[in-house]
Amino acid sequence: MLAVLQMMIGGLAYGQSDGLPAVHAASLRATTWRVTEQVPAMVDAEQNAQLAAQLAGQVVAVPYSSGERVAAGTVLVKLDDGPEQAQLALDQARLDQAKRALARDVKLLKIAGASEAQFEQAQADLAEATAQVKLDTATLAQLNITAPFDGTLGIRKISEGDYVQPGQSVAQLTQSGPLRVLFSVPQTEAGDLQPGDGFSLTVAALPAGAGTFGGGITALSPQLNSATDARDVEGRLSGAAPGLLPGMAGIVTLQTGAPEPAFILPATALNDDTLGRFIYVLDGGANGQFTARAVYVQEFAQSGDAAVIGVNGLKAGENVVAAGGFRLSDGANVTLLAPMNSVP
């Protein structure tokens, strides 16, 4: 906001000139404003899997360590597969026999040494033996629990000799990055959100100055969450996020709603009374004299030395009292002190 605040204003001194109060002026600069919303958020990994056993069996090997980074396809847990290996060998032998029987029947069929029915039975036997070998191979694969994607393993909680049941957790695997941010925006504020809109995430668990990250919205839920009366939103962090871990909670700050016309002015131009915040607009200017006209305004935000207010009938370029308005009254005549270059 301060980067776009380019106003010619006077210093903060307040004096008298020709018996009239002397003030410093600032010109209203046009901008746009969107409502800023803060909502709770959760950091999550792109992929985070709790790996479980598909079959019951005894653990014979756990070739990984807690916190180890592994590539997709790495075997993490091996269950006893002795009976399954024997079954595969038996069914492979039956498959080889079925292939030989079919080859023999093909030759016999050509010289009328075998019937059509015998030939079709040999084909069926081969198909059945082939399917059985595929089933045995699939069963053996289920006894080796592998990493489905590249990631970092959690704390190891099983050991060799343990007996696991189907569905029992054996390892947790978390993708290292990129991280995503999950949050919900109330439906009254979510109507103008679009993929690509930016946001900032602040995580209190990290040291001050290191817990704020930028990101952008990647997806919005196509339906409203009836339980929370809000729309679920997914975002991605841009750039590195040192210290940030999946599962951390934070606060997302983002702009919602349609852009509104607004003005930037020095924060010192705002005054207060029982009716609210107001500024003094300088009318006239003949012979270096101005009339201070009080105009009540809606303040949207402040950042440093600058403030953003609603339009409220004001016009870009109009001069306002930049400082010292607390000593004026509506309709007071004033003169201007020499302006400075700009607000820093």
Protein backbone atom coordinates (compact mmCIF):
# COMPACT_ATOMS: atom_id res chain seq x y z
CA MET A 1 0.00 0.00 0.00
CA LEU A 2 2.80 2.39 0.90
CA ALA A 3 4.45 1.76 -2.46
CA VAL A 4 1.47 3.27 -4.28
CA LEU A 5 0.92 6.10 -1.79
CA GLN A 6 2.28 9.15 -3.62
CA MET A 7 0.77 12.23 -2.06
CA MET A 8 2.13 15.69 -1.71
CA ILE A 9 1.58 16.55 1.92
CA GLY A 10 3.02 18.89 4.48
CA GLY A 11 4.90 18.02 7.64
CA LEU A 12 3.20 17.38 10.95
CA ALA A 13 3.75 20.90 12.24
CA TYR A 14 0.74 23.14 12.76
CA GLY A 15 0.97 26.92 12.67
CA GLN A 16 -0.79 30.23 11.93
CA SER A 17 -0.67 32.33 8.76
CA ASP A 18 -2.39 35.72 8.47
CA GLY A 19 -4.41 34.88 11.57
CA LEU A 20 -5.74 31.63 10.03
CA PRO A 21 -4.76 28.08 10.97
CA ALA A 22 -2.07 26.76 8.61
CA VAL A 23 -2.29 23.07 7.74
CA HIS A 24 -0.66 20.58 5.41
CA ALA A 25 -2.63 19.06 2.53
CA ALA A 26 -2.66 15.68 0.80
CA SER A 27 -4.29 14.69 -2.49
CA LEU A 28 -6.66 11.72 -2.58
CA ARG A 29 -5.27 8.95 -4.76
CA ALA A 30 -7.61 6.43 -6.37
CA THR A 31 -7.17 2.71 -5.76
CA THR A 32 -9.32 -0.40 -5.36
CA TRP A 33 -10.14 -2.34 -2.24
CA ARG A 34 -11.28 -5.88 -1.49
CA VAL A 35 -12.48 -7.08 1.89
CA THR A 36 -9.74 -8.92 3.78
CA GLU A 37 -10.79 -12.14 5.50
CA GLN A 38 -8.87 -14.24 8.02
CA VAL A 39 -9.79 -17.91 8.42
CA PRO A 40 -8.20 -20.90 10.16
CA ALA A 41 -6.22 -23.25 7.93
CA MET A 42 -4.42 -26.58 8.04
CA VAL A 43 -1.18 -27.48 6.26
CA ASP A 44 -1.31 -30.81 4.48
CA ALA A 45 0.97 -32.86 2.26
CA GLU A 46 0.10 -33.45 -1.38
CA GLN A 47 0.05 -37.18 -0.58
CA ASN A 48 -0.04 -38.71 2.88
CA ALA A 49 -0.77 -42.45 3.15
CA GLN A 50 -1.27 -44.75 6.11
CA LEU A 51 -0.06 -48.04 4.62
CA ALA A 52 -1.78 -51.18 5.84
CA ALA A 53 -1.51 -54.94 5.39
CA GLN A 54 -3.87 -56.45 2.83
CA LEU A 55 -3.41 -60.01 4.08
CA ALA A 56 -2.76 -61.57 7.47
CA GLY A 57 0.73 -62.86 8.10
CA GLN A 58 3.90 -62.82 10.13
CA VAL A 59 6.41 -60.03 9.54
CA VAL A 60 9.74 -61.43 8.36
CA ALA A 61 11.49 -58.18 7.39
CA VAL A 62 11.07 -54.42 7.96
CA PRO A 63 13.85 -52.97 5.77
CA TYR A 64 13.33 -49.31 6.67
CA SER A 65 14.16 -46.89 9.47
CA SER A 66 12.07 -44.19 11.08
CA GLY A 67 12.19 -40.94 9.11
CA GLU A 68 13.87 -42.53 6.09
CA ARG A 69 13.25 -41.07 2.63
CA VAL A 70 12.24 -43.77 0.16
CA ALA A 71 11.42 -43.97 -3.55
CA ALA A 72 8.19 -45.30 -4.99
CA GLY A 73 8.25 -49.10 -5.19
CA THR A 74 10.60 -49.61 -2.24
CA VAL A 75 9.65 -52.67 -0.17
CA LEU A 76 8.85 -51.51 3.36
CA VAL A 77 7.44 -54.64 5.01
CA LYS A 78 7.72 -58.31 3.99
CA LEU A 79 5.31 -60.92 5.30
CA ASP A 80 6.00 -64.66 5.37
CA ASP A 81 5.24 -65.95 1.86
CA GLY A 82 6.50 -69.55 2.13
CA PRO A 83 3.12 -71.27 1.50
CA GLU A 84 2.31 -68.86 -1.32
CA GLN A 85 5.68 -69.46 -2.98
CA ALA A 86 5.05 -73.23 -2.83
CA GLN A 87 1.57 -72.77 -4.29
CA LEU A 88 3.01 -70.66 -7.10
CA ALA A 89 5.59 -73.35 -7.92
CA LEU A 90 2.86 -76.00 -8.00
CA ASP A 91 0.59 -73.94 -10.23
CA GLN A 92 3.50 -73.00 -12.50
CA ALA A 93 4.18 -76.72 -13.02
CA ARG A 94 0.50 -77.26 -13.88
CA LEU A 95 0.71 -74.36 -16.33
CA ASP A 96 3.75 -75.89 -18.04
CA GLN A 97 1.91 -79.22 -18.25
CA ALA A 98 -1.16 -77.55 -19.73
CA LYS A 99 0.99 -75.88 -22.39
CA ARG A 100 2.53 -79.22 -23.37
CA ALA A 101 -0.88 -80.93 -23.46
CA LEU A 102 -2.31 -78.27 -25.72
CA ALA A 103 0.70 -78.43 -28.07
CA ARG A 104 0.28 -82.22 -28.28
CA ASP A 105 -3.45 -81.97 -28.97
CA VAL A 106 -2.83 -79.42 -31.73
CA LYS A 107 -0.61 -81.93 -33.52
CA LEU A 108 -3.06 -84.81 -32.96
CA LEU A 109 -5.97 -82.74 -34.18
CA LYS A 110 -4.24 -82.27 -37.53
CA ILE A 111 -4.01 -86.03 -38.09
CA ALA A 112 -7.41 -86.78 -36.52
CA GLY A 113 -5.67 -88.29 -33.48
CA ALA A 114 -7.65 -86.09 -31.08
CA SER A 115 -11.25 -84.90 -31.01
CA GLU A 116 -12.40 -81.30 -31.15
CA ALA A 117 -13.73 -81.66 -27.61
CA GLN A 118 -10.36 -82.87 -26.35
CA PHE A 119 -8.66 -79.91 -28.00
CA GLU A 120 -11.12 -77.42 -26.45
CA GLN A 121 -10.62 -79.00 -23.02
CA ALA A 122 -6.85 -78.56 -23.38
CA GLN A 123 -7.40 -74.88 -24.20
CA ALA A 124 -9.61 -74.44 -21.15
CA ASP A 125 -7.06 -76.18 -18.92
CA LEU A 126 -4.33 -73.82 -20.16
CA ALA A 127 -6.48 -70.75 -19.55
CA GLU A 128 -7.32 -71.94 -16.01
CA ALA A 129 -3.68 -72.69 -15.21
CA THR A 130 -2.61 -69.27 -16.52
CA ALA A 131 -5.21 -67.49 -14.37
CA GLN A 132 -4.15 -69.44 -11.30
CA VAL A 133 -0.51 -68.42 -11.73
CA LYS A 134 -1.59 -64.77 -12.07
CA LEU A 135 -3.63 -65.10 -8.87
CA ASP A 136 -0.66 -66.62 -7.02
CA THR A 137 1.59 -63.79 -8.26
CA ALA A 138 -0.91 -61.15 -7.09
CA THR A 139 -1.16 -62.78 -3.66
CA LEU A 140 2.62 -62.77 -3.31
CA ALA A 141 2.71 -59.09 -4.24
CA GLN A 142 0.24 -58.31 -1.44
CA LEU A 143 2.62 -59.88 1.07
CA ASN A 144 5.23 -57.21 0.17
CA ILE A 145 4.06 -53.76 1.28
CA THR A 146 5.74 -51.13 -0.92
CA ALA A 147 5.89 -47.33 -1.07
CA PRO A 148 3.26 -46.03 -3.53
CA PHE A 149 5.12 -42.72 -4.03
CA ASP A 150 8.35 -40.95 -3.09
CA GLY A 151 8.24 -39.67 0.46
CA THR A 152 9.40 -39.75 4.06
CA LEU A 153 8.43 -42.55 6.42
CA GLY A 154 7.02 -42.00 9.88
CA ILE A 155 8.03 -43.59 13.16
CA ARG A 156 8.45 -47.35 12.80
CA LYS A 157 5.99 -49.24 15.03
CA ILE A 158 6.30 -52.88 13.93
CA SER A 159 9.13 -55.39 14.09
CA GLU A 160 10.12 -58.73 12.66
CA GLY A 161 8.05 -61.51 14.23
CA ASP A 162 4.90 -59.39 14.66
CA TYR A 163 1.70 -60.91 13.29
CA VAL A 164 -0.45 -58.43 11.39
CA GLN A 165 -4.11 -58.62 10.42
CA PRO A 166 -5.72 -57.31 7.20
CA GLY A 167 -6.14 -53.54 7.48
CA GLN A 168 -3.57 -53.15 10.25
CA SER A 169 -1.35 -50.07 9.82
CA VAL A 170 2.30 -50.90 9.18
CA ALA A 171 3.84 -47.59 8.01
CA GLN A 172 3.04 -43.94 7.38
CA LEU A 173 4.40 -42.29 4.25
CA THR A 174 4.28 -38.55 3.65
CA GLN A 175 5.27 -36.76 0.47
CA SER A 176 7.86 -34.10 1.25
CA GLY A 177 6.39 -31.44 -1.00
CA PRO A 178 4.80 -29.40 -2.34
CA LEU A 179 2.63 -28.52 0.64
CA ARG A 180 -1.00 -27.55 0.29
CA VAL A 181 -3.20 -25.42 2.54
CA LEU A 182 -6.79 -26.38 3.33
CA PHE A 183 -9.30 -23.84 4.65
CA SER A 184 -12.95 -22.79 4.38
CA VAL A 185 -14.40 -19.39 3.52
CA PRO A 186 -17.92 -18.37 4.66
CA GLN A 187 -20.37 -18.41 1.77
CA THR A 188 -21.07 -14.69 2.19
CA GLU A 189 -17.42 -13.98 1.35
CA ALA A 190 -16.61 -16.80 -1.08
CA GLY A 191 -18.65 -15.71 -4.11
CA ASP A 192 -15.84 -13.87 -5.91
CA LEU A 193 -12.96 -16.22 -5.10
CA GLN A 194 -11.20 -17.72 -8.12
CA PRO A 195 -8.33 -20.17 -8.64
CA GLY A 196 -5.15 -18.13 -8.78
CA ASP A 197 -6.19 -15.64 -6.09
CA GLY A 198 -3.34 -15.08 -3.66
CA PHE A 199 -3.25 -15.49 0.10
CA SER A 200 -0.78 -15.44 2.96
CA LEU A 201 -0.44 -18.11 5.64
CA THR A 202 0.77 -17.31 9.15
CA VAL A 203 1.81 -20.17 11.43
CA ALA A 204 2.21 -19.19 15.08
CA ALA A 205 4.21 -22.35 15.87
CA LEU A 206 7.19 -21.02 13.91
CA PRO A 207 9.49 -18.22 15.13
CA ALA A 208 8.38 -14.65 14.57
CA GLY A 209 9.35 -13.48 11.10
CA ALA A 210 9.70 -17.04 9.80
CA GLY A 211 6.08 -18.16 9.99
CA THR A 212 4.48 -16.26 7.08
CA PHE A 213 4.26 -17.77 3.60
CA GLY A 214 2.62 -16.76 0.34
CA GLY A 215 0.48 -18.96 -1.85
CA GLY A 216 -2.39 -19.14 -4.31
CA ILE A 217 -5.77 -20.84 -4.53
CA THR A 218 -5.70 -23.96 -6.72
CA ALA A 219 -9.22 -25.33 -6.28
CA LEU A 220 -12.61 -24.51 -4.78
CA SER A 221 -15.20 -27.05 -3.77
CA PRO A 222 -18.06 -27.22 -6.29
CA GLN A 223 -20.56 -27.32 -3.43
CA LEU A 224 -21.17 -25.64 -0.10
CA ASN A 225 -20.40 -27.45 3.14
CA SER A 226 -23.84 -27.48 4.77
CA ALA A 227 -22.39 -28.24 8.21
CA THR A 228 -20.17 -25.12 8.27
CA ASP A 229 -22.05 -22.89 5.78
CA ALA A 230 -18.71 -22.35 4.06
CA ARG A 231 -16.92 -23.28 0.86
CA ASP A 232 -13.88 -25.53 1.14
CA VAL A 233 -10.74 -24.17 -0.55
CA GLU A 234 -7.40 -25.74 -1.44
CA GLY A 235 -4.25 -23.71 -2.00
CA ARG A 236 -0.57 -24.27 -2.70
CA LEU A 237 2.37 -22.47 -1.14
CA SER A 238 4.71 -20.75 -3.55
CA GLY A 239 8.42 -21.24 -3.02
CA ALA A 240 10.22 -22.93 -0.14
CA ALA A 241 8.54 -23.27 3.26
CA PRO A 242 11.34 -24.03 5.76
CA GLY A 243 10.11 -25.39 9.08
CA LEU A 244 6.57 -25.96 7.86
CA LEU A 245 5.21 -29.47 8.45
CA PRO A 246 2.01 -31.22 7.39
CA GLY A 247 -0.55 -31.03 10.17
CA MET A 248 0.44 -27.54 11.35
CA ALA A 249 -2.38 -25.06 11.93
CA GLY A 250 -2.31 -21.44 10.83
CA ILE A 251 -4.31 -18.43 9.75
CA VAL A 252 -4.93 -17.62 6.09
CA THR A 253 -5.39 -13.97 5.12
CA LEU A 254 -6.97 -13.35 1.73
CA GLN A 255 -9.02 -10.79 -0.12
CA THR A 256 -12.64 -11.68 -0.83
CA GLY A 257 -15.56 -10.01 -2.51
CA ALA A 258 -15.64 -7.79 -5.58
CA PRO A 259 -13.10 -4.93 -5.85
CA GLU A 260 -14.47 -1.58 -4.67
CA PRO A 261 -13.23 1.88 -5.64
CA ALA A 262 -11.35 3.55 -2.81
CA PHE A 263 -8.83 6.26 -1.96
CA ILE A 264 -5.44 6.26 -0.25
CA LEU A 265 -4.52 9.09 2.12
CA PRO A 266 -2.24 9.63 5.13
CA ALA A 267 -3.55 7.97 8.27
CA THR A 268 -3.05 11.27 10.10
CA ALA A 269 -5.82 12.80 7.96
CA LEU A 270 -8.44 10.73 9.79
CA ASN A 271 -10.28 12.28 12.72
CA ASP A 272 -12.81 10.87 15.19
CA ASP A 273 -15.93 12.07 16.94
CA THR A 274 -19.06 10.43 18.33
CA LEU A 275 -20.46 9.92 14.81
CA GLY A 276 -17.41 8.10 13.47
CA ARG A 277 -14.31 8.82 11.36
CA PHE A 278 -14.11 11.88 9.14
CA ILE A 279 -11.70 13.94 7.09
CA TYR A 280 -11.52 17.60 6.19
CA VAL A 281 -11.81 18.31 2.45
CA LEU A 282 -10.29 21.64 1.39
CA ASP A 283 -12.61 23.72 -0.79
CA GLY A 284 -11.85 27.01 -2.51
CA GLY A 285 -8.27 28.17 -2.64
CA ALA A 286 -8.75 31.81 -3.71
CA ASN A 287 -5.99 34.00 -2.31
CA GLY A 288 -4.47 30.94 -0.71
CA GLN A 289 -7.41 30.45 1.66
CA PHE A 290 -9.40 27.23 1.90
CA THR A 291 -12.51 26.10 3.74
CA ALA A 292 -12.26 22.83 5.67
CA ARG A 293 -15.40 20.72 5.02
CA ALA A 294 -15.95 17.69 7.27
CA VAL A 295 -16.82 14.47 5.38
CA TYR A 296 -17.54 11.24 7.24
CA VAL A 297 -15.84 8.22 5.62
CA GLN A 298 -15.63 4.46 5.88
CA GLU A 299 -12.14 3.33 6.75
CA PHE A 300 -11.20 0.02 5.11
CA ALA A 301 -7.69 -0.47 6.46
CA GLN A 302 -4.46 1.09 7.69
CA SER A 303 -0.91 0.07 6.86
CA GLY A 304 1.91 2.07 8.34
CA ASP A 305 1.40 5.76 7.56
CA ALA A 306 -1.33 5.15 4.97
CA ALA A 307 -5.06 4.51 5.21
CA VAL A 308 -7.66 3.34 2.69
CA ILE A 309 -11.16 4.81 2.74
CA GLY A 310 -14.37 4.41 0.75
CA VAL A 311 -15.27 6.83 -2.03
CA ASN A 312 -18.36 8.36 -0.34
CA GLY A 313 -18.79 11.06 -3.00
CA LEU A 314 -15.15 12.11 -2.93
CA LYS A 315 -13.08 12.64 -6.07
CA ALA A 316 -9.54 11.70 -6.93
CA GLY A 317 -7.19 14.66 -6.64
CA GLU A 318 -9.20 16.49 -4.02
CA ASN A 319 -7.07 18.03 -1.30
CA VAL A 320 -7.65 17.08 2.33
CA VAL A 321 -6.11 18.19 5.61
CA ALA A 322 -3.24 15.75 6.14
CA ALA A 323 -2.56 16.56 9.81
CA GLY A 324 -3.83 18.81 12.57
CA GLY A 325 -7.52 18.33 11.81
CA PHE A 326 -8.27 17.80 15.50
CA ARG A 327 -7.90 21.60 15.98
CA LEU A 328 -10.37 22.47 13.23
CA SER A 329 -14.14 22.60 12.98
CA ASP A 330 -16.45 22.15 10.02
CA GLY A 331 -16.34 25.28 7.85
CA ALA A 332 -13.09 26.65 9.29
CA ASN A 333 -10.94 28.78 6.98
CA VAL A 334 -7.31 27.67 6.68
CA THR A 335 -4.17 28.28 4.70
CA LEU A 336 -1.56 25.74 3.58
CA LEU A 337 1.95 25.27 4.81
CA ALA A 338 4.68 24.43 2.24
CA PRO A 339 4.29 20.76 1.24
CA MET A 340 6.92 18.09 1.63
CA ASN A 341 7.76 15.65 -1.18
CA SER A 342 5.74 12.63 -0.07
CA VAL A 343 4.87 10.28 2.72
CA PRO A 344 7.60 7.61 3.06
